[in-house]
Amino acid sequence: MTALEKDQTEADKVRAVVSEEEAIAKEKADETEAIAEDAQRDLDEALPLLFAANKALDSLDKSDIAEVRVFANPPEMVIVVMEAVAILLGSKPDWVSAKALLGDSTFLSRLVNYDK
């Protein structure tokens, strides 16, 4: 076997390895692209909801908070929302803790400045 044939054989082996690695890289790139597209769809769905929630939050004032706070037996959706808020703010998710949060003078500013 001549040196040229030997070099050609080595080059063919390297080419085969590179081709396999290229196929693996393309497959991973396709998977990554699919994940990115899925994440973008989720983001496109979530952002309008976030903007609407921020707009609703901006419309609240202290009297709205005081009105909710005086409920002895609040509607179920108020309880659900306040339990979620309590969890986000690191409090116990019950109505007693929620009322304490509502009584906090910094409650609204904590919600507005919450890292979204």
Protein backbone atom coordinates (compact mmCIF):
# COMPACT_ATOMS: atom_id res chain seq x y z
CA MET A 1 0.00 0.00 0.00
CA THR A 2 1.44 3.32 -1.00
CA ALA A 3 1.55 6.38 1.20
CA LEU A 4 -1.15 8.00 -0.90
CA GLU A 5 -3.50 5.05 -0.46
CA LYS A 6 -2.76 4.99 3.26
CA ASP A 7 -3.51 8.73 3.51
CA GLN A 8 -6.71 8.25 1.50
CA THR A 9 -7.85 5.46 3.86
CA GLU A 10 -7.18 7.66 6.89
CA ALA A 11 -9.01 10.56 5.26
CA ASP A 12 -12.01 8.31 4.54
CA LYS A 13 -12.11 7.23 8.19
CA VAL A 14 -11.98 10.84 9.36
CA ARG A 15 -14.66 11.80 6.84
CA ALA A 16 -16.93 9.02 8.16
CA VAL A 17 -16.46 10.17 11.76
CA VAL A 18 -17.10 13.80 10.82
CA SER A 19 -20.22 12.80 8.89
CA GLU A 20 -21.58 10.90 11.91
CA GLU A 21 -20.84 13.81 14.24
CA GLU A 22 -22.46 16.21 11.79
CA ALA A 23 -25.63 14.08 11.74
CA ILE A 24 -25.72 14.02 15.55
CA ALA A 25 -25.19 17.80 15.71
CA LYS A 26 -27.97 18.39 13.17
CA GLU A 27 -30.33 16.19 15.18
CA LYS A 28 -29.54 18.10 18.38
CA ALA A 29 -29.96 21.41 16.56
CA ASP A 30 -33.38 20.28 15.30
CA GLU A 31 -34.41 19.26 18.83
CA THR A 32 -33.19 22.59 20.20
CA GLU A 33 -35.11 24.48 17.53
CA ALA A 34 -38.29 22.55 18.37
CA ILE A 35 -37.87 23.39 22.06
CA ALA A 36 -37.27 27.05 21.22
CA GLU A 37 -40.38 27.19 19.03
CA ASP A 38 -42.45 25.57 21.78
CA ALA A 39 -41.12 28.04 24.33
CA GLN A 40 -41.88 30.95 22.00
CA ARG A 41 -45.47 29.73 21.55
CA ASP A 42 -45.86 29.53 25.34
CA LEU A 43 -44.37 33.01 25.71
CA ASP A 44 -46.65 34.42 23.01
CA GLU A 45 -49.61 33.01 24.91
CA ALA A 46 -48.44 34.17 28.34
CA LEU A 47 -47.31 37.73 27.59
CA PRO A 48 -50.77 39.15 26.81
CA LEU A 49 -52.01 37.63 30.07
CA LEU A 50 -49.12 39.19 31.96
CA PHE A 51 -49.81 42.60 30.41
CA ALA A 52 -53.51 42.30 31.29
CA ALA A 53 -52.66 41.31 34.86
CA ASN A 54 -50.27 44.26 35.20
CA LYS A 55 -52.93 46.60 33.87
CA ALA A 56 -55.46 45.22 36.37
CA LEU A 57 -52.91 45.55 39.17
CA ASP A 58 -52.24 49.15 38.21
CA SER A 59 -55.96 49.90 38.49
CA LEU A 60 -56.11 48.76 42.14
CA ASP A 61 -55.91 51.21 45.01
CA LYS A 62 -55.94 50.96 48.81
CA SER A 63 -59.73 51.12 48.98
CA ASP A 64 -59.99 48.03 46.75
CA ILE A 65 -57.61 46.19 49.05
CA ALA A 66 -59.52 47.32 52.15
CA GLU A 67 -62.80 46.14 50.60
CA VAL A 68 -61.42 42.63 50.09
CA ARG A 69 -59.78 42.55 53.49
CA VAL A 70 -63.07 42.99 55.39
CA PHE A 71 -64.62 39.85 53.91
CA ALA A 72 -65.38 37.34 56.66
CA ASN A 73 -66.23 34.67 54.08
CA PRO A 74 -64.83 35.80 50.75
CA PRO A 75 -65.96 34.35 47.43
CA GLU A 76 -64.09 31.22 46.35
CA MET A 77 -62.20 33.00 43.55
CA VAL A 78 -60.95 35.65 46.00
CA ILE A 79 -59.62 32.87 48.21
CA VAL A 80 -57.94 31.14 45.27
CA VAL A 81 -56.30 34.34 44.07
CA MET A 82 -55.15 35.35 47.53
CA GLU A 83 -53.76 31.87 48.21
CA ALA A 84 -51.72 32.16 45.01
CA VAL A 85 -50.53 35.64 45.98
CA ALA A 86 -49.62 34.40 49.45
CA ILE A 87 -47.53 31.60 47.97
CA LEU A 88 -45.76 34.02 45.63
CA LEU A 89 -45.00 36.37 48.52
CA GLY A 90 -43.82 33.54 50.76
CA SER A 91 -46.76 33.46 53.17
CA LYS A 92 -48.97 30.62 54.30
CA PRO A 93 -51.74 30.06 51.71
CA ASP A 94 -54.80 30.57 53.91
CA TRP A 95 -57.32 33.36 54.39
CA VAL A 96 -55.87 34.48 57.74
CA SER A 97 -52.42 34.99 56.17
CA ALA A 98 -54.01 36.59 53.13
CA LYS A 99 -55.80 39.11 55.34
CA ALA A 100 -52.48 39.90 57.02
CA LEU A 101 -50.93 40.48 53.59
CA LEU A 102 -53.83 42.72 52.61
CA GLY A 103 -53.26 44.74 55.77
CA ASP A 104 -49.59 45.29 54.98
CA SER A 105 -49.07 48.91 53.92
CA THR A 106 -46.54 47.78 51.29
CA PHE A 107 -48.79 45.09 49.80
CA LEU A 108 -49.58 46.90 46.55
CA SER A 109 -46.00 48.02 46.00
CA ARG A 110 -44.78 44.45 46.66
CA LEU A 111 -47.12 43.19 43.95
CA VAL A 112 -46.19 45.93 41.49
CA ASN A 113 -42.46 45.40 42.08
CA TYR A 114 -42.65 41.59 42.18
CA ASP A 115 -40.05 40.07 39.84
CA LYS A 116 -42.15 38.84 36.96
